[in-house]
Amino acid sequence: MSKLGLLYDHTYTWDIFSDMMRSQQHLALSSELPKPFTKKTRAILVDWLIQVHEAFNFSEETLYLAVHLLNRVLRLIKISISSLQLLGVVCLFLAAKKEECLLPEVSELCYLMANTYSKKQLLRMERRVLCTLEFDLSLTPPIHFLLLSAYIACCGEKVICMARYLLELSLLEAECVCFIPVQLAAAALRLARHLIQEPHTPESEAAWCIASTIYLGSEATLFTIMHIMAAAAVRAHNQETRATFVKFSTKEMLYVSLHPALKSALCLLSLQT
């Protein structure tokens, strides 16, 4: 828990972890998008939010919370295509208010949207979102479960970075909305280990077995998510939505999005290419 910055007192460690696990049951959403939105429309918006998120140098938690809020609100309120970008920015702004120390000015956010919307419109949308969500902005993001499991399993830096890449790619996939964070994290980490192929020892295998006990769900569910992530990784370089691919193609991210194993990820998972 200390790796996540959550260990303030050993007395509360189990309570914190128990709450993380308990909160999962309320996070699954329907994968069906309300009309007139499509999977492509949503992916384009999320890709743009990833770029804005990176420009502001926000934490990973902020990104996952922003997309989670967007997924929830889209299913609760009626909104037009013309207001979709505004809704996305508001969700990112609210996530930043919860997770960040420094916030952008409202005028900066309007500028990023080419001043298509005024400050008044942005603040009005913010109130609407908060009231719709009843001020509930809680989320235990999948990145927390990923880092926790990776630490327990003694995974190497490249495996962790690959898992982070696969997990962020899942934000673009509408099919992943119906899975809970702990399932997404487990699938990303297992697929990353499968792709990177670190040498295993009896000790590392024992550690992996312990880490795997955090997972909630069936093997079939886990494999389904791995299929979605593998397919997303294979086509990432050809997609119009390339923000995550570009981000993880840098030296800082160990060039994981360019890893040769990703070209044959579908074959590795016995999928038809």
C-alpha atoms as a PDB file:
ATOM      1  CA  MET A   1       0.000   0.000   0.000  1.00  0.00           C
ATOM      2  CA  SER A   2       2.968   2.309   0.583  1.00  0.00           C
ATOM      3  CA  LYS A   3       3.750   2.122  -3.148  1.00  0.00           C
ATOM      4  CA  LEU A   4       0.381   3.767  -3.765  1.00  0.00           C
ATOM      5  CA  GLY A   5       0.923   6.426  -1.135  1.00  0.00           C
ATOM      6  CA  LEU A   6      -1.937   4.953   0.888  1.00  0.00           C
ATOM      7  CA  LEU A   7      -0.042   3.653   3.914  1.00  0.00           C
ATOM      8  CA  TYR A   8      -0.325   6.379   6.544  1.00  0.00           C
ATOM      9  CA  ASP A   9      -0.720   4.022   9.474  1.00  0.00           C
ATOM     10  CA  HIS A  10      -0.345   0.233   9.541  1.00  0.00           C
ATOM     11  CA  THR A  11      -3.545   0.070  11.588  1.00  0.00           C
ATOM     12  CA  TYR A  12      -5.657   1.112   8.577  1.00  0.00           C
ATOM     13  CA  THR A  13      -3.922  -0.867   5.810  1.00  0.00           C
ATOM     14  CA  TRP A  14      -6.475  -3.666   5.706  1.00  0.00           C
ATOM     15  CA  ASP A  15      -9.387  -1.224   5.951  1.00  0.00           C
ATOM     16  CA  ILE A  16      -8.057   0.738   2.970  1.00  0.00           C
ATOM     17  CA  PHE A  17      -7.569  -2.404   0.890  1.00  0.00           C
ATOM     18  CA  SER A  18     -10.978  -3.798   1.882  1.00  0.00           C
ATOM     19  CA  ASP A  19     -12.635  -0.551   0.844  1.00  0.00           C
ATOM     20  CA  MET A  20     -10.798  -0.635  -2.498  1.00  0.00           C
ATOM     21  CA  MET A  21     -12.179  -4.113  -3.164  1.00  0.00           C
ATOM     22  CA  ARG A  22     -15.676  -3.354  -1.858  1.00  0.00           C
ATOM     23  CA  SER A  23     -16.026  -0.296  -4.079  1.00  0.00           C
ATOM     24  CA  GLN A  24     -15.608  -2.428  -7.226  1.00  0.00           C
ATOM     25  CA  GLN A  25     -19.119  -3.809  -7.135  1.00  0.00           C
ATOM     26  CA  HIS A  26     -20.682  -0.422  -7.960  1.00  0.00           C
ATOM     27  CA  LEU A  27     -18.420   0.572 -10.862  1.00  0.00           C
ATOM     28  CA  ALA A  28     -19.566  -1.644 -13.749  1.00  0.00           C
ATOM     29  CA  LEU A  29     -21.566   0.136 -16.452  1.00  0.00           C
ATOM     30  CA  SER A  30     -23.417  -0.932 -19.560  1.00  0.00           C
ATOM     31  CA  SER A  31     -21.192  -1.100 -22.640  1.00  0.00           C
ATOM     32  CA  GLU A  32     -24.070   0.241 -24.754  1.00  0.00           C
ATOM     33  CA  LEU A  33     -23.693   3.898 -25.700  1.00  0.00           C
ATOM     34  CA  PRO A  34     -26.779   6.135 -25.797  1.00  0.00           C
ATOM     35  CA  LYS A  35     -27.754   7.485 -29.183  1.00  0.00           C
ATOM     36  CA  PRO A  36     -26.460   9.336 -31.175  1.00  0.00           C
ATOM     37  CA  PHE A  37     -22.978   8.458 -29.879  1.00  0.00           C
ATOM     38  CA  THR A  38     -20.846   5.731 -31.440  1.00  0.00           C
ATOM     39  CA  LYS A  39     -17.756   3.881 -30.258  1.00  0.00           C
ATOM     40  CA  LYS A  40     -15.687   5.953 -32.686  1.00  0.00           C
ATOM     41  CA  THR A  41     -17.127   9.247 -31.393  1.00  0.00           C
ATOM     42  CA  ARG A  42     -16.305   8.257 -27.831  1.00  0.00           C
ATOM     43  CA  ALA A  43     -12.799   7.064 -28.755  1.00  0.00           C
ATOM     44  CA  ILE A  44     -11.990  10.360 -30.495  1.00  0.00           C
ATOM     45  CA  LEU A  45     -13.106  12.329 -27.437  1.00  0.00           C
ATOM     46  CA  VAL A  46     -11.134  10.135 -24.999  1.00  0.00           C
ATOM     47  CA  ASP A  47      -8.050  10.358 -27.218  1.00  0.00           C
ATOM     48  CA  TRP A  48      -8.305  14.159 -27.157  1.00  0.00           C
ATOM     49  CA  LEU A  49      -8.732  14.126 -23.367  1.00  0.00           C
ATOM     50  CA  ILE A  50      -5.574  12.019 -23.085  1.00  0.00           C
ATOM     51  CA  GLN A  51      -3.706  14.712 -25.030  1.00  0.00           C
ATOM     52  CA  VAL A  52      -5.096  17.500 -22.828  1.00  0.00           C
ATOM     53  CA  HIS A  53      -4.324  15.443 -19.714  1.00  0.00           C
ATOM     54  CA  GLU A  54      -0.716  15.022 -20.851  1.00  0.00           C
ATOM     55  CA  ALA A  55      -0.379  18.723 -21.718  1.00  0.00           C
ATOM     56  CA  PHE A  56      -1.321  19.635 -18.145  1.00  0.00           C
ATOM     57  CA  ASN A  57       0.947  16.895 -16.770  1.00  0.00           C
ATOM     58  CA  PHE A  58      -1.860  15.495 -14.627  1.00  0.00           C
ATOM     59  CA  SER A  59      -1.552  12.229 -12.712  1.00  0.00           C
ATOM     60  CA  GLU A  60      -2.753   8.911 -14.119  1.00  0.00           C
ATOM     61  CA  GLU A  61      -5.479   8.834 -11.459  1.00  0.00           C
ATOM     62  CA  THR A  62      -6.934  12.031 -12.917  1.00  0.00           C
ATOM     63  CA  LEU A  63      -7.215  10.505 -16.387  1.00  0.00           C
ATOM     64  CA  TYR A  64      -8.940   7.327 -15.188  1.00  0.00           C
ATOM     65  CA  LEU A  65     -11.348   9.289 -13.005  1.00  0.00           C
ATOM     66  CA  ALA A  66     -12.169  11.711 -15.850  1.00  0.00           C
ATOM     67  CA  VAL A  67     -13.039   8.902 -18.260  1.00  0.00           C
ATOM     68  CA  HIS A  68     -15.027   7.112 -15.563  1.00  0.00           C
ATOM     69  CA  LEU A  69     -17.080  10.255 -14.910  1.00  0.00           C
ATOM     70  CA  LEU A  70     -17.618  10.687 -18.650  1.00  0.00           C
ATOM     71  CA  ASN A  71     -18.827   7.083 -18.961  1.00  0.00           C
ATOM     72  CA  ARG A  72     -21.285   7.562 -16.094  1.00  0.00           C
ATOM     73  CA  VAL A  73     -22.655  10.919 -17.211  1.00  0.00           C
ATOM     74  CA  LEU A  74     -23.188   9.798 -20.793  1.00  0.00           C
ATOM     75  CA  ARG A  75     -25.602   7.180 -19.466  1.00  0.00           C
ATOM     76  CA  LEU A  76     -27.439   9.539 -17.128  1.00  0.00           C
ATOM     77  CA  ILE A  77     -28.092  12.748 -19.032  1.00  0.00           C
ATOM     78  CA  LYS A  78     -29.217  13.601 -22.516  1.00  0.00           C
ATOM     79  CA  ILE A  79     -26.516  15.526 -24.337  1.00  0.00           C
ATOM     80  CA  SER A  80     -25.979  16.551 -27.940  1.00  0.00           C
ATOM     81  CA  ILE A  81     -22.963  15.745 -30.086  1.00  0.00           C
ATOM     82  CA  SER A  82     -22.142  19.460 -30.183  1.00  0.00           C
ATOM     83  CA  SER A  83     -21.753  19.530 -26.383  1.00  0.00           C
ATOM     84  CA  LEU A  84     -19.719  16.323 -26.100  1.00  0.00           C
ATOM     85  CA  GLN A  85     -16.329  18.051 -26.033  1.00  0.00           C
ATOM     86  CA  LEU A  86     -17.566  20.420 -23.327  1.00  0.00           C
ATOM     87  CA  LEU A  87     -18.750  17.455 -21.243  1.00  0.00           C
ATOM     88  CA  GLY A  88     -15.363  15.761 -21.637  1.00  0.00           C
ATOM     89  CA  VAL A  89     -13.467  18.844 -20.485  1.00  0.00           C
ATOM     90  CA  VAL A  90     -15.780  19.281 -17.501  1.00  0.00           C
ATOM     91  CA  CYS A  91     -15.186  15.654 -16.462  1.00  0.00           C
ATOM     92  CA  LEU A  92     -11.429  16.197 -16.708  1.00  0.00           C
ATOM     93  CA  PHE A  93     -11.728  19.446 -14.738  1.00  0.00           C
ATOM     94  CA  LEU A  94     -13.711  17.731 -11.963  1.00  0.00           C
ATOM     95  CA  ALA A  95     -11.242  14.843 -11.830  1.00  0.00           C
ATOM     96  CA  ALA A  96      -8.385  17.341 -11.550  1.00  0.00           C
ATOM     97  CA  LYS A  97     -10.161  19.131  -8.706  1.00  0.00           C
ATOM     98  CA  LYS A  98     -10.236  15.840  -6.826  1.00  0.00           C
ATOM     99  CA  GLU A  99      -6.733  14.578  -7.655  1.00  0.00           C
ATOM    100  CA  GLU A 100      -4.457  17.533  -8.450  1.00  0.00           C
ATOM    101  CA  CYS A 101      -2.811  20.278  -6.378  1.00  0.00           C
ATOM    102  CA  LEU A 102      -2.641  22.801  -9.236  1.00  0.00           C
ATOM    103  CA  LEU A 103      -5.607  23.434 -11.530  1.00  0.00           C
ATOM    104  CA  PRO A 104      -5.878  25.120 -14.921  1.00  0.00           C
ATOM    105  CA  GLU A 105      -7.909  28.311 -15.226  1.00  0.00           C
ATOM    106  CA  VAL A 106     -11.375  27.977 -16.712  1.00  0.00           C
ATOM    107  CA  SER A 107     -10.234  30.353 -19.469  1.00  0.00           C
ATOM    108  CA  GLU A 108      -7.419  27.901 -20.358  1.00  0.00           C
ATOM    109  CA  LEU A 109      -9.929  25.104 -20.773  1.00  0.00           C
ATOM    110  CA  CYS A 110     -12.100  27.293 -22.999  1.00  0.00           C
ATOM    111  CA  TYR A 111      -9.039  28.184 -25.073  1.00  0.00           C
ATOM    112  CA  LEU A 112      -8.268  24.482 -25.602  1.00  0.00           C
ATOM    113  CA  MET A 113     -11.741  24.147 -27.086  1.00  0.00           C
ATOM    114  CA  ALA A 114     -11.010  27.074 -29.451  1.00  0.00           C
ATOM    115  CA  ASN A 115     -13.354  29.208 -27.328  1.00  0.00           C
ATOM    116  CA  THR A 116     -16.304  27.323 -28.800  1.00  0.00           C
ATOM    117  CA  TYR A 117     -17.857  27.467 -25.336  1.00  0.00           C
ATOM    118  CA  SER A 118     -17.845  30.337 -22.844  1.00  0.00           C
ATOM    119  CA  LYS A 119     -16.763  30.196 -19.194  1.00  0.00           C
ATOM    120  CA  LYS A 120     -20.425  30.467 -18.232  1.00  0.00           C
ATOM    121  CA  GLN A 121     -21.333  27.438 -20.355  1.00  0.00           C
ATOM    122  CA  LEU A 122     -18.486  25.411 -18.855  1.00  0.00           C
ATOM    123  CA  LEU A 123     -19.470  26.237 -15.277  1.00  0.00           C
ATOM    124  CA  ARG A 124     -23.129  25.551 -16.032  1.00  0.00           C
ATOM    125  CA  MET A 125     -22.181  22.114 -17.407  1.00  0.00           C
ATOM    126  CA  GLU A 126     -20.050  21.499 -14.324  1.00  0.00           C
ATOM    127  CA  ARG A 127     -23.033  22.133 -12.051  1.00  0.00           C
ATOM    128  CA  ARG A 128     -25.192  19.874 -14.188  1.00  0.00           C
ATOM    129  CA  VAL A 129     -22.670  17.027 -14.019  1.00  0.00           C
ATOM    130  CA  LEU A 130     -22.178  17.365 -10.259  1.00  0.00           C
ATOM    131  CA  CYS A 131     -25.926  17.375  -9.596  1.00  0.00           C
ATOM    132  CA  THR A 132     -26.447  14.389 -11.908  1.00  0.00           C
ATOM    133  CA  LEU A 133     -23.728  12.424 -10.117  1.00  0.00           C
ATOM    134  CA  GLU A 134     -24.983  13.662  -6.728  1.00  0.00           C
ATOM    135  CA  PHE A 135     -21.439  14.906  -6.068  1.00  0.00           C
ATOM    136  CA  ASP A 136     -20.156  11.321  -6.056  1.00  0.00           C
ATOM    137  CA  LEU A 137     -16.717  11.477  -7.709  1.00  0.00           C
ATOM    138  CA  SER A 138     -15.313   8.364  -6.059  1.00  0.00           C
ATOM    139  CA  LEU A 139     -13.258   5.777  -7.918  1.00  0.00           C
ATOM    140  CA  THR A 140     -10.515   3.316  -7.069  1.00  0.00           C
ATOM    141  CA  PRO A 141      -8.766   3.477 -10.449  1.00  0.00           C
ATOM    142  CA  PRO A 142      -7.411   0.373 -12.176  1.00  0.00           C
ATOM    143  CA  ILE A 143      -3.890   1.827 -12.067  1.00  0.00           C
ATOM    144  CA  HIS A 144      -3.913   1.346  -8.262  1.00  0.00           C
ATOM    145  CA  PHE A 145      -4.696  -2.350  -8.603  1.00  0.00           C
ATOM    146  CA  LEU A 146      -2.133  -2.712 -11.381  1.00  0.00           C
ATOM    147  CA  LEU A 147       0.700  -1.163  -9.349  1.00  0.00           C
ATOM    148  CA  LEU A 148      -0.280  -3.091  -6.235  1.00  0.00           C
ATOM    149  CA  SER A 149      -0.374  -6.438  -8.072  1.00  0.00           C
ATOM    150  CA  ALA A 150       2.852  -5.689  -9.963  1.00  0.00           C
ATOM    151  CA  TYR A 151       4.651  -4.855  -6.714  1.00  0.00           C
ATOM    152  CA  ILE A 152       3.459  -8.050  -5.015  1.00  0.00           C
ATOM    153  CA  ALA A 153       4.409 -10.102  -8.106  1.00  0.00           C
ATOM    154  CA  CYS A 154       7.873  -8.459  -8.301  1.00  0.00           C
ATOM    155  CA  CYS A 155       7.320  -7.517 -11.961  1.00  0.00           C
ATOM    156  CA  GLY A 156      10.078  -5.723 -13.854  1.00  0.00           C
ATOM    157  CA  GLU A 157       9.886  -2.108 -15.008  1.00  0.00           C
ATOM    158  CA  LYS A 158       9.197  -3.019 -18.627  1.00  0.00           C
ATOM    159  CA  VAL A 159       6.316  -5.341 -17.717  1.00  0.00           C
ATOM    160  CA  ILE A 160       4.769  -2.608 -15.581  1.00  0.00           C
ATOM    161  CA  CYS A 161       5.163  -0.026 -18.343  1.00  0.00           C
ATOM    162  CA  MET A 162       3.618  -2.390 -20.903  1.00  0.00           C
ATOM    163  CA  ALA A 163       0.709  -3.065 -18.532  1.00  0.00           C
ATOM    164  CA  ARG A 164       0.176   0.684 -18.075  1.00  0.00           C
ATOM    165  CA  TYR A 165       0.094   1.043 -21.873  1.00  0.00           C
ATOM    166  CA  LEU A 166      -2.459  -1.722 -22.314  1.00  0.00           C
ATOM    167  CA  LEU A 167      -4.562  -0.339 -19.470  1.00  0.00           C
ATOM    168  CA  GLU A 168      -4.616   3.153 -20.973  1.00  0.00           C
ATOM    169  CA  LEU A 169      -5.535   1.719 -24.386  1.00  0.00           C
ATOM    170  CA  SER A 170      -8.566   0.135 -22.722  1.00  0.00           C
ATOM    171  CA  LEU A 171      -9.920   3.632 -22.003  1.00  0.00           C
ATOM    172  CA  LEU A 172     -10.547   4.012 -25.736  1.00  0.00           C
ATOM    173  CA  GLU A 173     -12.468   0.747 -25.980  1.00  0.00           C
ATOM    174  CA  ALA A 174     -16.200   1.091 -25.287  1.00  0.00           C
ATOM    175  CA  GLU A 175     -16.374  -2.679 -24.661  1.00  0.00           C
ATOM    176  CA  CYS A 176     -14.189  -2.266 -21.558  1.00  0.00           C
ATOM    177  CA  VAL A 177     -16.677  -0.006 -19.769  1.00  0.00           C
ATOM    178  CA  CYS A 178     -18.616  -2.993 -18.434  1.00  0.00           C
ATOM    179  CA  PHE A 179     -15.573  -4.397 -16.600  1.00  0.00           C
ATOM    180  CA  ILE A 180     -14.535  -3.284 -13.127  1.00  0.00           C
ATOM    181  CA  PRO A 181     -11.086  -1.717 -12.454  1.00  0.00           C
ATOM    182  CA  VAL A 182      -9.582  -4.732 -10.709  1.00  0.00           C
ATOM    183  CA  GLN A 183     -10.430  -6.897 -13.750  1.00  0.00           C
ATOM    184  CA  LEU A 184      -8.916  -4.418 -16.220  1.00  0.00           C
ATOM    185  CA  ALA A 185      -5.745  -4.181 -14.135  1.00  0.00           C
ATOM    186  CA  ALA A 186      -5.373  -7.965 -13.869  1.00  0.00           C
ATOM    187  CA  ALA A 187      -5.862  -8.436 -17.616  1.00  0.00           C
ATOM    188  CA  ALA A 188      -3.345  -5.717 -18.495  1.00  0.00           C
ATOM    189  CA  LEU A 189      -0.704  -7.146 -16.170  1.00  0.00           C
ATOM    190  CA  ARG A 190      -1.188 -10.742 -17.300  1.00  0.00           C
ATOM    191  CA  LEU A 191      -1.039  -9.762 -20.965  1.00  0.00           C
ATOM    192  CA  ALA A 192       2.058  -7.626 -20.319  1.00  0.00           C
ATOM    193  CA  ARG A 193       3.820 -10.605 -18.686  1.00  0.00           C
ATOM    194  CA  HIS A 194       2.775 -12.730 -21.629  1.00  0.00           C
ATOM    195  CA  LEU A 195       4.246 -10.239 -24.108  1.00  0.00           C
ATOM    196  CA  ILE A 196       7.483  -9.291 -22.348  1.00  0.00           C
ATOM    197  CA  GLN A 197       8.379 -12.838 -21.261  1.00  0.00           C
ATOM    198  CA  GLU A 198      10.597 -12.092 -18.272  1.00  0.00           C
ATOM    199  CA  PRO A 199      12.521 -15.109 -16.948  1.00  0.00           C
ATOM    200  CA  HIS A 200      10.512 -16.797 -14.198  1.00  0.00           C
ATOM    201  CA  THR A 201      11.813 -18.350 -11.010  1.00  0.00           C
ATOM    202  CA  PRO A 202       9.958 -20.409  -8.379  1.00  0.00           C
ATOM    203  CA  GLU A 203       9.974 -17.310  -6.175  1.00  0.00           C
ATOM    204  CA  SER A 204       8.525 -15.062  -8.898  1.00  0.00           C
ATOM    205  CA  GLU A 205       5.840 -17.619  -9.747  1.00  0.00           C
ATOM    206  CA  ALA A 206       4.871 -17.865  -6.076  1.00  0.00           C
ATOM    207  CA  ALA A 207       4.700 -14.070  -5.890  1.00  0.00           C
ATOM    208  CA  TRP A 208       2.519 -14.002  -9.022  1.00  0.00           C
ATOM    209  CA  CYS A 209       0.110 -16.523  -7.472  1.00  0.00           C
ATOM    210  CA  ILE A 210      -0.256 -14.261  -4.431  1.00  0.00           C
ATOM    211  CA  ALA A 211      -0.804 -11.193  -6.617  1.00  0.00           C
ATOM    212  CA  SER A 212      -3.441 -13.057  -8.643  1.00  0.00           C
ATOM    213  CA  THR A 213      -5.628 -13.498  -5.560  1.00  0.00           C
ATOM    214  CA  ILE A 214      -6.551  -9.796  -5.805  1.00  0.00           C
ATOM    215  CA  TYR A 215      -8.495 -10.517  -9.021  1.00  0.00           C
ATOM    216  CA  LEU A 216     -12.311 -10.686  -8.913  1.00  0.00           C
ATOM    217  CA  GLY A 217     -14.046 -12.596 -11.700  1.00  0.00           C
ATOM    218  CA  SER A 218     -13.769 -15.654 -13.923  1.00  0.00           C
ATOM    219  CA  GLU A 219     -10.901 -16.731 -16.170  1.00  0.00           C
ATOM    220  CA  ALA A 220     -13.244 -16.292 -19.138  1.00  0.00           C
ATOM    221  CA  THR A 221     -13.789 -12.636 -18.228  1.00  0.00           C
ATOM    222  CA  LEU A 222     -10.052 -12.100 -17.823  1.00  0.00           C
ATOM    223  CA  PHE A 223      -9.319 -13.659 -21.201  1.00  0.00           C
ATOM    224  CA  THR A 224     -12.051 -11.601 -22.881  1.00  0.00           C
ATOM    225  CA  ILE A 225     -10.447  -8.380 -21.641  1.00  0.00           C
ATOM    226  CA  MET A 226      -7.007  -9.594 -22.728  1.00  0.00           C
ATOM    227  CA  HIS A 227      -8.403 -10.177 -26.230  1.00  0.00           C
ATOM    228  CA  ILE A 228      -9.795  -6.637 -26.380  1.00  0.00           C
ATOM    229  CA  MET A 229      -6.509  -5.139 -25.157  1.00  0.00           C
ATOM    230  CA  ALA A 230      -4.402  -7.244 -27.523  1.00  0.00           C
ATOM    231  CA  ALA A 231      -6.552  -6.243 -30.506  1.00  0.00           C
ATOM    232  CA  ALA A 232      -6.339  -2.575 -29.477  1.00  0.00           C
ATOM    233  CA  ALA A 233      -2.538  -2.779 -29.178  1.00  0.00           C
ATOM    234  CA  VAL A 234      -2.133  -4.401 -32.585  1.00  0.00           C
ATOM    235  CA  ARG A 235      -4.081  -1.687 -34.408  1.00  0.00           C
ATOM    236  CA  ALA A 236      -2.953   1.254 -32.231  1.00  0.00           C
ATOM    237  CA  HIS A 237      -0.305   2.533 -34.670  1.00  0.00           C
ATOM    238  CA  ASN A 238      -2.812   2.703 -37.529  1.00  0.00           C
ATOM    239  CA  GLN A 239      -5.598   4.358 -35.585  1.00  0.00           C
ATOM    240  CA  GLU A 240      -6.747   7.942 -35.855  1.00  0.00           C
ATOM    241  CA  THR A 241      -6.695   7.910 -32.042  1.00  0.00           C
ATOM    242  CA  ARG A 242      -2.946   7.617 -31.451  1.00  0.00           C
ATOM    243  CA  ALA A 243      -2.275   9.700 -28.325  1.00  0.00           C
ATOM    244  CA  THR A 244      -1.565   6.711 -26.074  1.00  0.00           C
ATOM    245  CA  PHE A 245       0.516   4.956 -28.740  1.00  0.00           C
ATOM    246  CA  VAL A 246       2.672   8.069 -29.208  1.00  0.00           C
ATOM    247  CA  LYS A 247       3.016   8.645 -25.451  1.00  0.00           C
ATOM    248  CA  PHE A 248       4.313   5.121 -24.848  1.00  0.00           C
ATOM    249  CA  SER A 249       6.660   5.144 -27.850  1.00  0.00           C
ATOM    250  CA  THR A 250       9.154   7.386 -26.005  1.00  0.00           C
ATOM    251  CA  LYS A 251      12.363   6.560 -24.157  1.00  0.00           C
ATOM    252  CA  GLU A 252      10.711   7.574 -20.887  1.00  0.00           C
ATOM    253  CA  MET A 253       8.082   4.881 -21.460  1.00  0.00           C
ATOM    254  CA  LEU A 254      10.699   2.321 -22.592  1.00  0.00           C
ATOM    255  CA  TYR A 255       9.297   2.319 -26.160  1.00  0.00           C
ATOM    256  CA  VAL A 256       6.741  -0.302 -25.113  1.00  0.00           C
ATOM    257  CA  SER A 257       4.164   0.642 -27.759  1.00  0.00           C
ATOM    258  CA  LEU A 258       6.798  -0.240 -30.393  1.00  0.00           C
ATOM    259  CA  HIS A 259       7.597  -3.625 -28.863  1.00  0.00           C
ATOM    260  CA  PRO A 260       7.859  -6.327 -31.590  1.00  0.00           C
ATOM    261  CA  ALA A 261       5.670  -8.729 -29.599  1.00  0.00           C
ATOM    262  CA  LEU A 262       2.670  -6.438 -30.101  1.00  0.00           C
ATOM    263  CA  LYS A 263       2.691  -7.121 -33.833  1.00  0.00           C
ATOM    264  CA  SER A 264       1.808 -10.730 -33.147  1.00  0.00           C
ATOM    265  CA  ALA A 265      -0.251 -10.239 -29.997  1.00  0.00           C
ATOM    266  CA  LEU A 266      -3.367 -11.657 -31.643  1.00  0.00           C
ATOM    267  CA  CYS A 267      -1.492 -14.793 -32.663  1.00  0.00           C
ATOM    268  CA  LEU A 268      -0.101 -15.167 -29.151  1.00  0.00           C
ATOM    269  CA  LEU A 269      -3.660 -15.177 -27.839  1.00  0.00           C
ATOM    270  CA  SER A 270      -4.817 -17.622 -30.528  1.00  0.00           C
ATOM    271  CA  LEU A 271      -7.000 -14.987 -32.184  1.00  0.00           C
ATOM    272  CA  GLN A 272      -7.749 -14.710 -35.848  1.00  0.00           C
ATOM    273  CA  THR A 273      -5.843 -11.846 -37.473  1.00  0.00           C
END
